[in-house]
């Protein structure tokens, strides 16, 4: 993702005034951003899908599994809190961690391998796609990038950028696995996308950034994913994979005490408001420590360039959950485990589990 330094430290209420200071490549095409999607969402009013007892039961299950996201030795988070520069041992270990975790709970893994032309030469990269029930007609997509930036002066970990988002995706999939298995559906499934090559090698630009998402969106514009083809091999339902995306939720810069969100995309503004209402229910019931969704900000007043852009350009609805303003440790060597707030990680785990369970109408 990219934003000028002034915006990093701007208060959320100043988003509108600061947005004019963004460089041209940091703002998504405002015509595209403000173009309402023609697609209807599977569950646009999800905030009350689960009753209070179901939310309490979901949180009760989470309580037994909260150590998965422990900063020091959590089995889902700790393995990702390492330098993950492309091609490095930590990068390869993270790939194995993602694939092993999801295959064990029944997700079908697809690799989107390609060679990116970068300022340092041709670089092999790999997006990882994990789909539950790939034969389903539609997908609720959670996405984040998994590699970390190459920086001078030391090994950059990228705890908020994006180790925690990756771990949260694994947590949601694993924590809800049993409930998803109990409610198989040919209509809507959960898909996780782990993008490679989000970070720029030199200076962020339209060509030196988001390599993985640009590649995957271009392929999926006209083709189905390999897992979809295999699941529907006896049929002729091979429509482009992009047309199967009901909504994509892109996670980024999550885990510090400064974490907060605003509705950045107009086509999904109603979903963001529903997420805020669901969060309010969780807060009022004492399940989370504070609120993170700022629903008072006018949707679409600013843009942040990130992995969602190639999908938005192709009319895929995206809810971009990136912390605004950016954390003070953004793109510094201090973006490590010490920058993380356990309460924030726990709250986000509960919020995302509740959101996915609600959107998929799971019987929790």
Protein backbone atom coordinates (compact mmCIF):
# COMPACT_ATOMS: atom_id res chain seq x y z
CA UNK A 1 0.00 0.00 0.00
CA UNK A 2 1.13 3.57 -0.43
CA UNK A 3 0.25 6.94 1.05
CA UNK A 4 2.25 10.12 1.60
CA UNK A 5 3.77 10.62 5.07
CA UNK A 6 1.48 13.50 6.00
CA UNK A 7 -1.57 11.28 5.63
CA UNK A 8 0.01 8.63 7.83
CA UNK A 9 -0.24 10.94 10.82
CA UNK A 10 -3.47 12.70 9.93
CA UNK A 11 -6.43 12.11 12.18
CA UNK A 12 -9.29 10.10 10.77
CA UNK A 13 -11.58 13.11 10.83
CA UNK A 14 -9.16 14.92 8.50
CA UNK A 15 -9.22 12.28 5.81
CA UNK A 16 -11.18 14.40 3.35
CA UNK A 17 -8.86 17.41 3.51
CA UNK A 18 -5.67 15.37 3.35
CA UNK A 19 -6.81 13.25 0.40
CA UNK A 20 -5.96 16.10 -1.97
CA UNK A 21 -2.32 15.78 -0.96
CA UNK A 22 -1.99 12.24 -2.26
CA UNK A 23 0.19 11.66 -5.32
CA UNK A 24 -1.73 10.61 -8.45
CA UNK A 25 -0.74 6.94 -8.20
CA UNK A 26 -1.83 6.71 -4.56
CA UNK A 27 -5.47 7.47 -5.32
CA UNK A 28 -7.61 4.86 -7.01
CA UNK A 29 -9.33 6.22 -10.10
CA UNK A 30 -12.13 8.21 -8.48
CA UNK A 31 -14.49 7.43 -11.36
CA UNK A 32 -13.97 3.75 -10.67
CA UNK A 33 -14.00 4.22 -6.93
CA UNK A 34 -17.33 6.02 -6.99
CA UNK A 35 -18.91 3.77 -9.59
CA UNK A 36 -21.46 1.64 -7.82
CA UNK A 37 -21.11 -2.05 -8.51
CA UNK A 38 -23.95 -3.62 -10.45
CA UNK A 39 -23.61 -6.80 -8.40
CA UNK A 40 -25.99 -7.76 -5.63
CA UNK A 41 -24.39 -9.06 -2.46
CA UNK A 42 -25.39 -12.44 -1.06
CA UNK A 43 -25.98 -11.00 2.40
CA UNK A 44 -25.99 -7.21 2.39
CA UNK A 45 -27.77 -7.05 5.77
CA UNK A 46 -25.56 -9.44 7.73
CA UNK A 47 -25.20 -7.51 11.00
CA UNK A 48 -28.19 -9.30 12.57
CA UNK A 49 -27.76 -12.71 10.97
CA UNK A 50 -26.53 -14.14 14.28
CA UNK A 51 -28.57 -13.53 17.42
CA UNK A 52 -26.98 -12.52 20.73
CA UNK A 53 -26.77 -16.10 21.96
CA UNK A 54 -25.02 -17.22 18.78
CA UNK A 55 -22.49 -14.40 19.02
CA UNK A 56 -21.82 -15.32 22.65
CA UNK A 57 -21.32 -18.94 21.67
CA UNK A 58 -18.97 -17.96 18.84
CA UNK A 59 -16.90 -15.88 21.27
CA UNK A 60 -16.92 -18.77 23.74
CA UNK A 61 -15.35 -20.99 21.10
CA UNK A 62 -12.83 -18.26 20.31
CA UNK A 63 -11.83 -18.10 23.99
CA UNK A 64 -10.63 -21.70 23.77
CA UNK A 65 -8.59 -20.90 20.66
CA UNK A 66 -7.27 -17.42 21.43
CA UNK A 67 -3.71 -18.69 21.93
CA UNK A 68 -3.49 -19.39 18.21
CA UNK A 69 -2.73 -15.66 17.77
CA UNK A 70 -0.37 -15.25 20.71
CA UNK A 71 2.41 -12.89 19.65
CA UNK A 72 5.23 -14.93 21.18
CA UNK A 73 4.26 -18.54 20.48
CA UNK A 74 0.84 -18.63 18.82
CA UNK A 75 0.80 -21.47 16.31
CA UNK A 76 -0.83 -19.32 13.62
CA UNK A 77 0.85 -15.95 14.21
CA UNK A 78 4.35 -16.61 15.56
CA UNK A 79 5.56 -18.51 12.45
CA UNK A 80 4.73 -15.49 10.27
CA UNK A 81 6.54 -12.95 12.47
CA UNK A 82 9.78 -13.42 10.55
CA UNK A 83 11.41 -11.60 7.62
CA UNK A 84 9.55 -12.77 4.51
CA UNK A 85 11.41 -11.14 1.62
CA UNK A 86 10.73 -12.98 -1.64
CA UNK A 87 12.90 -16.07 -1.94
CA UNK A 88 14.14 -15.95 1.64
CA UNK A 89 13.89 -18.87 4.10
CA UNK A 90 11.16 -17.03 6.04
CA UNK A 91 9.19 -16.46 2.85
CA UNK A 92 9.31 -20.15 1.94
CA UNK A 93 8.46 -21.18 5.51
CA UNK A 94 5.46 -18.84 5.43
CA UNK A 95 4.26 -20.43 2.20
CA UNK A 96 4.46 -23.88 3.81
CA UNK A 97 2.72 -22.60 6.96
CA UNK A 98 -0.19 -21.20 4.94
CA UNK A 99 -0.62 -24.28 2.78
CA UNK A 100 -0.18 -26.84 5.58
CA UNK A 101 -2.63 -25.03 7.88
CA UNK A 102 -5.36 -24.81 5.25
CA UNK A 103 -4.96 -28.19 3.62
CA UNK A 104 -5.42 -29.84 7.01
CA UNK A 105 -8.90 -28.32 7.29
CA UNK A 106 -10.04 -29.18 3.80
CA UNK A 107 -9.16 -26.15 1.70
CA UNK A 108 -8.16 -26.72 -1.90
CA UNK A 109 -4.89 -24.94 -2.71
CA UNK A 110 -4.08 -23.33 -6.06
CA UNK A 111 -0.74 -21.75 -6.89
CA UNK A 112 -0.64 -18.74 -9.18
CA UNK A 113 3.01 -18.77 -10.23
CA UNK A 114 4.49 -16.11 -12.51
CA UNK A 115 7.65 -14.14 -13.21
CA UNK A 116 7.47 -10.42 -12.50
CA UNK A 117 9.53 -7.82 -14.32
CA UNK A 118 10.89 -5.60 -11.53
CA UNK A 119 13.51 -2.83 -11.24
CA UNK A 120 15.96 -5.51 -10.03
CA UNK A 121 15.23 -7.93 -12.87
CA UNK A 122 12.86 -10.85 -13.37
CA UNK A 123 11.62 -12.31 -10.06
CA UNK A 124 9.61 -15.53 -9.62
CA UNK A 125 6.51 -14.92 -7.48
CA UNK A 126 3.58 -16.99 -6.27
CA UNK A 127 0.07 -16.08 -5.17
CA UNK A 128 -1.58 -18.70 -2.97
CA UNK A 129 -5.34 -19.29 -3.33
CA UNK A 130 -7.21 -21.46 -0.85
CA UNK A 131 -10.87 -22.28 -1.52
CA UNK A 132 -13.42 -24.16 0.56
CA UNK A 133 -15.95 -25.89 -1.67
CA UNK A 134 -14.56 -24.52 -4.98
CA UNK A 135 -17.61 -25.81 -6.82
CA UNK A 136 -19.77 -23.12 -5.18
CA UNK A 137 -21.21 -20.41 -7.40
CA UNK A 138 -19.83 -17.46 -5.41
CA UNK A 139 -16.98 -16.62 -3.05
CA UNK A 140 -16.59 -14.41 -0.01
CA UNK A 141 -12.90 -13.55 -0.36
CA UNK A 142 -10.47 -12.58 2.40
CA UNK A 143 -7.14 -11.33 1.07
CA UNK A 144 -3.76 -10.01 2.20
CA UNK A 145 -0.20 -10.01 0.95
CA UNK A 146 2.25 -12.34 2.66
CA UNK A 147 5.73 -11.21 1.61
CA UNK A 148 7.62 -8.46 3.43
CA UNK A 149 9.45 -5.45 2.08
CA UNK A 150 13.16 -5.35 1.28
CA UNK A 151 14.65 -2.53 3.35
CA UNK A 152 18.10 -1.17 4.03
CA UNK A 153 19.58 -1.43 7.49
CA UNK A 154 18.12 -4.74 8.59
CA UNK A 155 15.53 -7.44 8.07
CA UNK A 156 12.03 -5.98 7.88
CA UNK A 157 9.43 -8.25 9.49
CA UNK A 158 6.24 -6.38 8.70
CA UNK A 159 4.22 -7.48 11.72
CA UNK A 160 1.27 -5.28 10.79
CA UNK A 161 2.30 -5.37 7.13
CA UNK A 162 1.07 -8.08 6.79
CA UNK A 163 1.89 -10.89 9.22
CA UNK A 164 -1.15 -10.23 11.42
CA UNK A 165 -3.59 -10.06 8.47
CA UNK A 166 -2.25 -13.40 7.20
CA UNK A 167 -2.60 -14.98 10.65
CA UNK A 168 -6.12 -13.56 11.04
CA UNK A 169 -7.16 -15.18 7.77
CA UNK A 170 -5.81 -18.52 8.94
CA UNK A 171 -7.56 -18.02 12.28
CA UNK A 172 -10.93 -17.36 10.64
CA UNK A 173 -10.62 -20.38 8.36
CA UNK A 174 -9.51 -22.72 11.14
CA UNK A 175 -11.83 -21.35 13.80
CA UNK A 176 -14.92 -21.67 11.59
CA UNK A 177 -13.88 -24.88 9.78
CA UNK A 178 -16.25 -27.17 11.67
CA UNK A 179 -19.22 -24.85 11.16
CA UNK A 180 -18.46 -24.44 7.46
CA UNK A 181 -18.26 -28.22 7.10
CA UNK A 182 -21.63 -28.60 8.80
CA UNK A 183 -23.25 -26.24 6.31
CA UNK A 184 -22.04 -27.18 2.84
CA UNK A 185 -23.42 -24.92 0.16
CA UNK A 186 -23.31 -24.86 -3.61
CA UNK A 187 -24.03 -21.13 -3.53
CA UNK A 188 -21.41 -19.31 -1.43
CA UNK A 189 -17.99 -20.41 -0.20
CA UNK A 190 -14.99 -18.88 1.56
CA UNK A 191 -11.87 -18.18 -0.45
CA UNK A 192 -8.54 -16.88 0.88
CA UNK A 193 -6.02 -15.12 -1.36
CA UNK A 194 -2.45 -14.56 -0.21
CA UNK A 195 -0.87 -12.09 -2.64
CA UNK A 196 2.82 -12.02 -3.44
CA UNK A 197 4.85 -8.98 -4.48
CA UNK A 198 2.71 -6.23 -2.99
CA UNK A 199 5.71 -4.15 -1.90
CA UNK A 200 7.70 -1.94 -4.25
CA UNK A 201 11.36 -2.73 -4.89
CA UNK A 202 12.30 0.93 -5.31
CA UNK A 203 9.67 3.69 -5.28
CA UNK A 204 5.98 2.82 -5.32
CA UNK A 205 4.49 3.30 -8.77
CA UNK A 206 1.89 1.76 -11.04
CA UNK A 207 4.51 -0.68 -12.33
CA UNK A 208 6.64 -1.21 -9.22
CA UNK A 209 4.03 -2.50 -6.76
CA UNK A 210 1.21 -5.05 -6.31
CA UNK A 211 2.77 -7.52 -8.75
CA UNK A 212 0.76 -10.52 -7.55
CA UNK A 213 -2.66 -8.90 -7.51
CA UNK A 214 -2.12 -7.32 -10.93
CA UNK A 215 -1.20 -10.70 -12.36
CA UNK A 216 -4.01 -12.65 -10.70
CA UNK A 217 -6.72 -10.13 -11.62
CA UNK A 218 -5.60 -10.17 -15.26
CA UNK A 219 -5.71 -13.98 -15.38
CA UNK A 220 -9.02 -14.27 -13.56
CA UNK A 221 -10.64 -11.65 -15.78
CA UNK A 222 -11.00 -14.28 -18.48
CA UNK A 223 -10.29 -17.60 -16.78
CA UNK A 224 -11.48 -19.70 -13.84
CA UNK A 225 -9.14 -20.78 -11.06
CA UNK A 226 -7.65 -24.27 -11.39
CA UNK A 227 -9.51 -25.48 -8.28
CA UNK A 228 -12.80 -24.33 -9.77
CA UNK A 229 -12.11 -26.17 -13.01
CA UNK A 230 -11.32 -29.37 -11.14
CA UNK A 231 -14.43 -29.08 -8.98
CA UNK A 232 -16.67 -28.49 -11.99
CA UNK A 233 -14.88 -30.79 -14.40
CA UNK A 234 -18.10 -32.60 -15.32
CA UNK A 235 -19.89 -29.36 -16.20
CA UNK A 236 -19.48 -26.41 -18.52
CA UNK A 237 -19.74 -23.79 -15.78
CA UNK A 238 -16.25 -22.39 -16.37
CA UNK A 239 -16.93 -18.68 -16.08
CA UNK A 240 -14.08 -16.26 -15.23
CA UNK A 241 -13.14 -16.45 -11.55
CA UNK A 242 -13.68 -12.72 -11.04
CA UNK A 243 -17.38 -13.22 -11.73
CA UNK A 244 -17.55 -15.65 -8.80
CA UNK A 245 -16.31 -13.08 -6.28
CA UNK A 246 -19.27 -11.83 -4.26
CA UNK A 247 -17.09 -9.39 -2.31
CA UNK A 248 -13.39 -9.19 -1.50
CA UNK A 249 -12.23 -8.02 1.94
CA UNK A 250 -8.61 -6.85 1.75
CA UNK A 251 -6.75 -6.73 5.07
CA UNK A 252 -3.64 -4.64 5.68
CA UNK A 253 -1.72 -2.80 8.41
CA UNK A 254 -3.53 -4.49 11.30
CA UNK A 255 -2.31 -5.20 14.81
CA UNK A 256 -0.97 -2.01 16.39
CA UNK A 257 -2.77 -0.03 19.08
CA UNK A 258 -3.50 2.70 16.49
CA UNK A 259 -5.66 0.38 14.38
CA UNK A 260 -8.82 1.98 12.93
CA UNK A 261 -10.77 1.83 9.67
CA UNK A 262 -12.82 4.12 7.43
CA UNK A 263 -15.09 3.26 4.45
CA UNK A 264 -12.67 3.72 1.55
CA UNK A 265 -14.78 2.15 -1.22
CA UNK A 266 -18.19 3.52 -2.17
CA UNK A 267 -19.59 0.31 -3.72
CA UNK A 268 -19.13 -1.52 -0.41
CA UNK A 269 -20.00 1.36 1.91
CA UNK A 270 -23.21 -0.35 3.01
CA UNK A 271 -21.26 -3.48 3.92
CA UNK A 272 -18.83 -1.37 5.94
CA UNK A 273 -21.76 0.18 7.83
CA UNK A 274 -23.15 -3.31 8.48
CA UNK A 275 -19.74 -4.34 9.79
CA UNK A 276 -19.81 -1.31 12.08
CA UNK A 277 -23.22 -2.35 13.39
CA UNK A 278 -22.02 -5.90 14.00
CA UNK A 279 -18.98 -4.51 15.79
CA UNK A 280 -21.23 -2.35 17.97
CA UNK A 281 -23.20 -5.42 19.01
CA UNK A 282 -19.97 -7.18 19.96
CA UNK A 283 -18.76 -4.14 21.90
CA UNK A 284 -22.06 -3.58 23.71
CA UNK A 285 -22.03 -7.23 24.78
CA UNK A 286 -18.50 -6.86 26.16
CA UNK A 287 -16.94 -9.24 23.63
CA UNK A 288 -14.37 -6.73 22.29
CA UNK A 289 -12.43 -3.97 24.05
CA UNK A 290 -13.23 -1.07 21.70
CA UNK A 291 -14.60 -0.12 18.29
CA UNK A 292 -12.47 0.14 15.14
CA UNK A 293 -14.91 1.03 12.35
CA UNK A 294 -15.36 4.78 11.93
CA UNK A 295 -18.75 4.97 10.25
CA UNK A 296 -18.92 8.77 10.60
CA UNK A 297 -16.48 9.34 7.71
CA UNK A 298 -18.06 9.89 4.30
CA UNK A 299 -17.34 6.84 2.09
CA UNK A 300 -14.79 7.23 -0.66
CA UNK A 301 -13.23 10.54 0.39
CA UNK A 302 -9.71 9.20 -0.11
CA UNK A 303 -7.94 6.35 -1.81
CA UNK A 304 -5.08 4.11 -0.79
CA UNK A 305 -3.31 2.15 -3.50
CA UNK A 306 -3.13 -1.50 -2.54
CA UNK A 307 -3.77 -5.02 -3.84
CA UNK A 308 -7.43 -4.25 -4.40
CA UNK A 309 -6.84 -1.82 -7.29
CA UNK A 310 -6.67 -4.35 -10.16
CA UNK A 311 -9.90 -5.92 -8.90
CA UNK A 312 -11.73 -2.61 -8.44
CA UNK A 313 -10.70 -1.68 -11.99
CA UNK A 314 -12.54 -4.82 -13.11
CA UNK A 315 -15.68 -3.99 -11.13
CA UNK A 316 -15.08 -6.42 -8.27
CA UNK A 317 -16.61 -5.08 -5.01
CA UNK A 318 -13.91 -4.61 -2.37
CA UNK A 319 -14.09 -3.68 1.30
CA UNK A 320 -10.61 -2.37 2.06
CA UNK A 321 -9.81 -2.83 5.76
CA UNK A 322 -6.51 -1.00 6.11
CA UNK A 323 -5.70 1.01 9.20
CA UNK A 324 -6.21 4.75 8.66
CA UNK A 325 -4.11 6.64 9.60
CA UNK A 326 -1.15 4.36 9.03
CA UNK A 327 0.75 3.16 12.07
CA UNK A 328 3.86 5.09 13.11
CA UNK A 329 5.92 1.96 12.46
CA UNK A 330 4.79 1.65 8.83
CA UNK A 331 7.75 0.73 6.61
CA UNK A 332 10.23 0.95 9.47
CA UNK A 333 12.25 -1.80 11.12
CA UNK A 334 10.11 -1.20 14.21
CA UNK A 335 7.19 -2.96 12.54
CA UNK A 336 7.89 -6.11 14.52
CA UNK A 337 6.31 -8.07 17.36
CA UNK A 338 6.90 -5.22 19.80
CA UNK A 339 4.60 -3.01 17.73
CA UNK A 340 1.63 -5.33 18.20
CA UNK A 341 -1.21 -4.95 20.69
CA UNK A 342 -2.65 -8.30 21.86
CA UNK A 343 -6.05 -6.74 22.57
CA UNK A 344 -6.31 -5.40 19.03
CA UNK A 345 -5.41 -8.78 17.54
CA UNK A 346 -7.96 -10.53 19.76
CA UNK A 347 -10.67 -8.01 18.91
CA UNK A 348 -10.00 -8.30 15.18
CA UNK A 349 -10.14 -12.09 15.41
CA UNK A 350 -13.58 -11.90 17.02
CA UNK A 351 -14.81 -9.26 14.57
CA UNK A 352 -13.64 -11.16 11.48
CA UNK A 353 -14.94 -14.52 12.72
CA UNK A 354 -18.29 -12.90 13.48
CA UNK A 355 -18.37 -11.19 10.08
CA UNK A 356 -17.60 -14.35 8.09
CA UNK A 357 -20.01 -16.47 10.15
CA UNK A 358 -22.71 -13.87 9.65
CA UNK A 359 -22.10 -13.33 5.95
CA UNK A 360 -22.06 -17.07 5.25
CA UNK A 361 -25.05 -17.60 7.54
CA UNK A 362 -23.27 -20.31 9.51
CA UNK A 363 -25.11 -22.17 12.25
CA UNK A 364 -22.75 -21.30 15.09
